[in-house]
């Protein structure tokens, strides 16, 4: 399983413990995260789009 996260707040998760603390940069969050809704595949696609944008734009 691959997860994209905001690396400024990343931490190591093991199979025994899963971090439920969410710290995000509001500028890059998917709208459903900002609204406090559940995370879905569309959230992952939003984050992938942000990652691709920054890779292609060089910022």
PDB file of N, CA and C in Angstrom:
ATOM      1  N   UNK A   1       0.847  -1.174   0.000  1.00  0.00           N
ATOM      2  CA  UNK A   1       0.000   0.000   0.000  1.00  0.00           C
ATOM      3  C   UNK A   1       0.887   1.229   0.000  1.00  0.00           C
ATOM      4  N   UNK A   2       0.608   2.164  -0.882  1.00  0.00           N
ATOM      5  CA  UNK A   2       1.370   3.404  -0.993  1.00  0.00           C
ATOM      6  C   UNK A   2       0.483   4.555  -0.567  1.00  0.00           C
ATOM      7  N   UNK A   3       1.028   5.419   0.281  1.00  0.00           N
ATOM      8  CA  UNK A   3       0.302   6.600   0.725  1.00  0.00           C
ATOM      9  C   UNK A   3       1.149   7.831   0.462  1.00  0.00           C
ATOM     10  N   UNK A   4       0.549   8.870  -0.083  1.00  0.00           N
ATOM     11  CA  UNK A   4       1.222  10.144  -0.262  1.00  0.00           C
ATOM     12  C   UNK A   4       0.846  11.033   0.907  1.00  0.00           C
ATOM     13  N   UNK A   5       1.865  11.631   1.520  1.00  0.00           N
ATOM     14  CA  UNK A   5       1.615  12.468   2.686  1.00  0.00           C
ATOM     15  C   UNK A   5       2.379  13.765   2.565  1.00  0.00           C
ATOM     16  N   UNK A   6       2.055  14.705   3.406  1.00  0.00           N
ATOM     17  CA  UNK A   6       2.795  15.946   3.535  1.00  0.00           C
ATOM     18  C   UNK A   6       4.046  15.622   4.336  1.00  0.00           C
ATOM     19  N   UNK A   7       5.201  15.608   3.687  1.00  0.00           N
ATOM     20  CA  UNK A   7       6.421  15.142   4.333  1.00  0.00           C
ATOM     21  C   UNK A   7       6.890  16.035   5.474  1.00  0.00           C
ATOM     22  N   UNK A   8       6.376  17.246   5.574  1.00  0.00           N
ATOM     23  CA  UNK A   8       6.747  18.107   6.694  1.00  0.00           C
ATOM     24  C   UNK A   8       6.272  17.516   8.019  1.00  0.00           C
ATOM     25  N   UNK A   9       5.235  16.708   7.963  1.00  0.00           N
ATOM     26  CA  UNK A   9       4.667  16.126   9.172  1.00  0.00           C
ATOM     27  C   UNK A   9       4.693  14.602   9.143  1.00  0.00           C
ATOM     28  N   UNK A  10       5.533  14.021   8.297  1.00  0.00           N
ATOM     29  CA  UNK A  10       5.525  12.563   8.154  1.00  0.00           C
ATOM     30  C   UNK A  10       6.141  11.880   9.366  1.00  0.00           C
ATOM     31  N   UNK A  11       5.720  10.655   9.589  1.00  0.00           N
ATOM     32  CA  UNK A  11       6.295   9.837  10.644  1.00  0.00           C
ATOM     33  C   UNK A  11       6.228   8.378  10.219  1.00  0.00           C
ATOM     34  N   UNK A  12       6.992   7.542  10.891  1.00  0.00           N
ATOM     35  CA  UNK A  12       7.050   6.127  10.560  1.00  0.00           C
ATOM     36  C   UNK A  12       5.890   5.401  11.225  1.00  0.00           C
ATOM     37  N   UNK A  13       5.115   4.707  10.431  1.00  0.00           N
ATOM     38  CA  UNK A  13       4.010   3.902  10.944  1.00  0.00           C
ATOM     39  C   UNK A  13       4.357   2.436  10.772  1.00  0.00           C
ATOM     40  N   UNK A  14       4.109   1.671  11.785  1.00  0.00           N
ATOM     41  CA  UNK A  14       4.340   0.236  11.716  1.00  0.00           C
ATOM     42  C   UNK A  14       2.995  -0.473  11.608  1.00  0.00           C
ATOM     43  N   UNK A  15       3.040  -1.777  11.419  1.00  0.00           N
ATOM     44  CA  UNK A  15       1.796  -2.542  11.357  1.00  0.00           C
ATOM     45  C   UNK A  15       1.104  -2.585  12.720  1.00  0.00           C
ATOM     46  N   UNK A  16       1.871  -2.390  13.792  1.00  0.00           N
ATOM     47  CA  UNK A  16       1.302  -2.454  15.137  1.00  0.00           C
ATOM     48  C   UNK A  16       0.620  -1.156  15.555  1.00  0.00           C
ATOM     49  N   UNK A  17       1.092  -0.044  15.007  1.00  0.00           N
ATOM     50  CA  UNK A  17       0.545   1.251  15.419  1.00  0.00           C
ATOM     51  C   UNK A  17       0.292   2.105  14.185  1.00  0.00           C
ATOM     52  N   UNK A  18      -0.885   2.649  14.094  1.00  0.00           N
ATOM     53  CA  UNK A  18      -1.241   3.514  12.976  1.00  0.00           C
ATOM     54  C   UNK A  18      -1.504   4.904  13.536  1.00  0.00           C
ATOM     55  N   UNK A  19      -0.867   5.886  12.953  1.00  0.00           N
ATOM     56  CA  UNK A  19      -1.038   7.260  13.405  1.00  0.00           C
ATOM     57  C   UNK A  19      -2.384   7.794  12.926  1.00  0.00           C
ATOM     58  N   UNK A  20      -3.177   8.296  13.836  1.00  0.00           N
ATOM     59  CA  UNK A  20      -4.458   8.893  13.486  1.00  0.00           C
ATOM     60  C   UNK A  20      -4.399  10.410  13.526  1.00  0.00           C
ATOM     61  N   UNK A  21      -3.236  10.958  13.862  1.00  0.00           N
ATOM     62  CA  UNK A  21      -3.050  12.400  13.916  1.00  0.00           C
ATOM     63  C   UNK A  21      -2.877  12.930  12.502  1.00  0.00           C
ATOM     64  N   UNK A  22      -3.678  13.915  12.136  1.00  0.00           N
ATOM     65  CA  UNK A  22      -3.604  14.480  10.797  1.00  0.00           C
ATOM     66  C   UNK A  22      -3.105  15.911  10.898  1.00  0.00           C
ATOM     67  N   UNK A  23      -1.967  16.163  10.290  1.00  0.00           N
ATOM     68  CA  UNK A  23      -1.408  17.507  10.185  1.00  0.00           C
ATOM     69  C   UNK A  23      -1.171  17.769   8.713  1.00  0.00           C
ATOM     70  N   UNK A  24      -1.870  18.713   8.152  1.00  0.00           N
ATOM     71  CA  UNK A  24      -1.757  18.976   6.729  1.00  0.00           C
ATOM     72  C   UNK A  24      -1.476  20.437   6.474  1.00  0.00           C
ATOM     73  N   UNK A  25      -0.852  20.705   5.338  1.00  0.00           N
ATOM     74  CA  UNK A  25      -0.713  22.067   4.855  1.00  0.00           C
ATOM     75  C   UNK A  25      -2.022  22.415   4.155  1.00  0.00           C
ATOM     76  N   UNK A  26      -2.789  23.345   4.684  1.00  0.00           N
ATOM     77  CA  UNK A  26      -4.115  23.631   4.118  1.00  0.00           C
ATOM     78  C   UNK A  26      -4.086  23.971   2.630  1.00  0.00           C
ATOM     79  N   UNK A  27      -2.999  24.559   2.159  1.00  0.00           N
ATOM     80  CA  UNK A  27      -2.916  24.934   0.747  1.00  0.00           C
ATOM     81  C   UNK A  27      -2.934  23.731  -0.181  1.00  0.00           C
ATOM     82  N   UNK A  28      -2.512  22.570   0.317  1.00  0.00           N
ATOM     83  CA  UNK A  28      -2.378  21.385  -0.517  1.00  0.00           C
ATOM     84  C   UNK A  28      -3.407  20.303  -0.207  1.00  0.00           C
ATOM     85  N   UNK A  29      -4.245  20.515   0.765  1.00  0.00           N
ATOM     86  CA  UNK A  29      -5.217  19.495   1.175  1.00  0.00           C
ATOM     87  C   UNK A  29      -6.347  19.361   0.173  1.00  0.00           C
ATOM     88  N   UNK A  30      -6.814  18.147   0.043  1.00  0.00           N
ATOM     89  CA  UNK A  30      -8.014  17.910  -0.758  1.00  0.00           C
ATOM     90  C   UNK A  30      -9.203  18.557  -0.046  1.00  0.00           C
ATOM     91  N   UNK A  31     -10.185  19.023  -0.800  1.00  0.00           N
ATOM     92  CA  UNK A  31     -11.335  19.699  -0.193  1.00  0.00           C
ATOM     93  C   UNK A  31     -12.044  18.873   0.877  1.00  0.00           C
ATOM     94  N   UNK A  32     -12.156  17.555   0.668  1.00  0.00           N
ATOM     95  CA  UNK A  32     -12.866  16.736   1.654  1.00  0.00           C
ATOM     96  C   UNK A  32     -12.126  16.671   2.989  1.00  0.00           C
ATOM     97  N   UNK A  33     -10.813  16.779   2.971  1.00  0.00           N
ATOM     98  CA  UNK A  33     -10.048  16.807   4.222  1.00  0.00           C
ATOM     99  C   UNK A  33     -10.332  18.107   4.958  1.00  0.00           C
ATOM    100  N   UNK A  34     -10.346  19.220   4.233  1.00  0.00           N
ATOM    101  CA  UNK A  34     -10.618  20.517   4.853  1.00  0.00           C
ATOM    102  C   UNK A  34     -12.030  20.585   5.427  1.00  0.00           C
ATOM    103  N   UNK A  35     -12.970  19.878   4.806  1.00  0.00           N
ATOM    104  CA  UNK A  35     -14.354  19.850   5.304  1.00  0.00           C
ATOM    105  C   UNK A  35     -14.555  18.832   6.413  1.00  0.00           C
ATOM    106  N   UNK A  36     -13.512  18.039   6.723  1.00  0.00           N
ATOM    107  CA  UNK A  36     -13.614  17.038   7.774  1.00  0.00           C
ATOM    108  C   UNK A  36     -14.336  15.781   7.350  1.00  0.00           C
ATOM    109  N   UNK A  37     -14.457  15.557   6.052  1.00  0.00           N
ATOM    110  CA  UNK A  37     -15.139  14.371   5.540  1.00  0.00           C
ATOM    111  C   UNK A  37     -14.166  13.197   5.456  1.00  0.00           C
ATOM    112  N   UNK A  38     -14.690  12.026   5.162  1.00  0.00           N
ATOM    113  CA  UNK A  38     -13.845  10.837   5.083  1.00  0.00           C
ATOM    114  C   UNK A  38     -12.947  10.888   3.846  1.00  0.00           C
ATOM    115  N   UNK A  39     -11.813  10.229   3.978  1.00  0.00           N
ATOM    116  CA  UNK A  39     -10.816  10.182   2.916  1.00  0.00           C
ATOM    117  C   UNK A  39     -11.149   9.022   1.987  1.00  0.00           C
ATOM    118  N   UNK A  40     -11.003   9.253   0.678  1.00  0.00           N
ATOM    119  CA  UNK A  40     -11.335   8.225  -0.313  1.00  0.00           C
ATOM    120  C   UNK A  40     -10.272   8.202  -1.409  1.00  0.00           C
ATOM    121  N   UNK A  41     -10.522   7.432  -2.437  1.00  0.00           N
ATOM    122  CA  UNK A  41      -9.594   7.354  -3.565  1.00  0.00           C
ATOM    123  C   UNK A  41      -9.452   8.711  -4.254  1.00  0.00           C
ATOM    124  N   UNK A  42     -10.510   9.505  -4.257  1.00  0.00           N
ATOM    125  CA  UNK A  42     -10.420  10.828  -4.879  1.00  0.00           C
ATOM    126  C   UNK A  42      -9.450  11.734  -4.123  1.00  0.00           C
ATOM    127  N   UNK A  43      -9.323  11.529  -2.820  1.00  0.00           N
ATOM    128  CA  UNK A  43      -8.345  12.267  -2.026  1.00  0.00           C
ATOM    129  C   UNK A  43      -6.935  11.931  -2.489  1.00  0.00           C
ATOM    130  N   UNK A  44      -6.684  10.649  -2.726  1.00  0.00           N
ATOM    131  CA  UNK A  44      -5.373  10.226  -3.214  1.00  0.00           C
ATOM    132  C   UNK A  44      -5.079  10.827  -4.583  1.00  0.00           C
ATOM    133  N   UNK A  45      -6.079  10.887  -5.444  1.00  0.00           N
ATOM    134  CA  UNK A  45      -5.884  11.468  -6.772  1.00  0.00           C
ATOM    135  C   UNK A  45      -5.577  12.958  -6.680  1.00  0.00           C
ATOM    136  N   UNK A  46      -6.226  13.655  -5.762  1.00  0.00           N
ATOM    137  CA  UNK A  46      -5.956  15.080  -5.544  1.00  0.00           C
ATOM    138  C   UNK A  46      -4.494  15.249  -5.139  1.00  0.00           C
ATOM    139  N   UNK A  47      -4.045  14.468  -4.158  1.00  0.00           N
ATOM    140  CA  UNK A  47      -2.663  14.572  -3.679  1.00  0.00           C
ATOM    141  C   UNK A  47      -1.666  14.199  -4.771  1.00  0.00           C
ATOM    142  N   UNK A  48      -1.992  13.205  -5.587  1.00  0.00           N
ATOM    143  CA  UNK A  48      -1.127  12.835  -6.703  1.00  0.00           C
ATOM    144  C   UNK A  48      -1.032  13.988  -7.700  1.00  0.00           C
ATOM    145  N   UNK A  49      -2.139  14.647  -7.957  1.00  0.00           N
ATOM    146  CA  UNK A  49      -2.136  15.816  -8.840  1.00  0.00           C
ATOM    147  C   UNK A  49      -1.256  16.929  -8.309  1.00  0.00           C
ATOM    148  N   UNK A  50      -1.320  17.172  -7.000  1.00  0.00           N
ATOM    149  CA  UNK A  50      -0.462  18.186  -6.377  1.00  0.00           C
ATOM    150  C   UNK A  50       1.002  17.803  -6.541  1.00  0.00           C
ATOM    151  N   UNK A  51       1.331  16.542  -6.294  1.00  0.00           N
ATOM    152  CA  UNK A  51       2.704  16.059  -6.423  1.00  0.00           C
ATOM    153  C   UNK A  51       3.206  16.206  -7.857  1.00  0.00           C
ATOM    154  N   UNK A  52       2.400  15.808  -8.829  1.00  0.00           N
ATOM    155  CA  UNK A  52       2.796  15.924 -10.234  1.00  0.00           C
ATOM    156  C   UNK A  52       2.979  17.387 -10.621  1.00  0.00           C
ATOM    157  N   UNK A  53       2.081  18.256 -10.169  1.00  0.00           N
ATOM    158  CA  UNK A  53       2.209  19.684 -10.458  1.00  0.00           C
ATOM    159  C   UNK A  53       3.546  20.226  -9.975  1.00  0.00           C
ATOM    160  N   UNK A  54       3.905  19.918  -8.734  1.00  0.00           N
ATOM    161  CA  UNK A  54       5.153  20.441  -8.192  1.00  0.00           C
ATOM    162  C   UNK A  54       6.373  19.828  -8.873  1.00  0.00           C
ATOM    163  N   UNK A  55       6.289  18.576  -9.269  1.00  0.00           N
ATOM    164  CA  UNK A  55       7.405  17.948  -9.997  1.00  0.00           C
ATOM    165  C   UNK A  55       7.593  18.591 -11.366  1.00  0.00           C
ATOM    166  N   UNK A  56       6.503  18.855 -12.062  1.00  0.00           N
ATOM    167  CA  UNK A  56       6.591  19.426 -13.405  1.00  0.00           C
ATOM    168  C   UNK A  56       6.900  20.916 -13.402  1.00  0.00           C
ATOM    169  N   UNK A  57       6.427  21.628 -12.383  1.00  0.00           N
ATOM    170  CA  UNK A  57       6.645  23.078 -12.340  1.00  0.00           C
ATOM    171  C   UNK A  57       8.000  23.446 -11.743  1.00  0.00           C
ATOM    172  N   UNK A  58       8.630  22.509 -11.056  1.00  0.00           N
ATOM    173  CA  UNK A  58       9.946  22.775 -10.478  1.00  0.00           C
ATOM    174  C   UNK A  58       9.909  23.622  -9.223  1.00  0.00           C
ATOM    175  N   UNK A  59       8.760  23.699  -8.579  1.00  0.00           N
ATOM    176  CA  UNK A  59       8.677  24.488  -7.345  1.00  0.00           C
ATOM    177  C   UNK A  59       8.768  23.609  -6.131  1.00  0.00           C
TER     178      UNK A  59
END
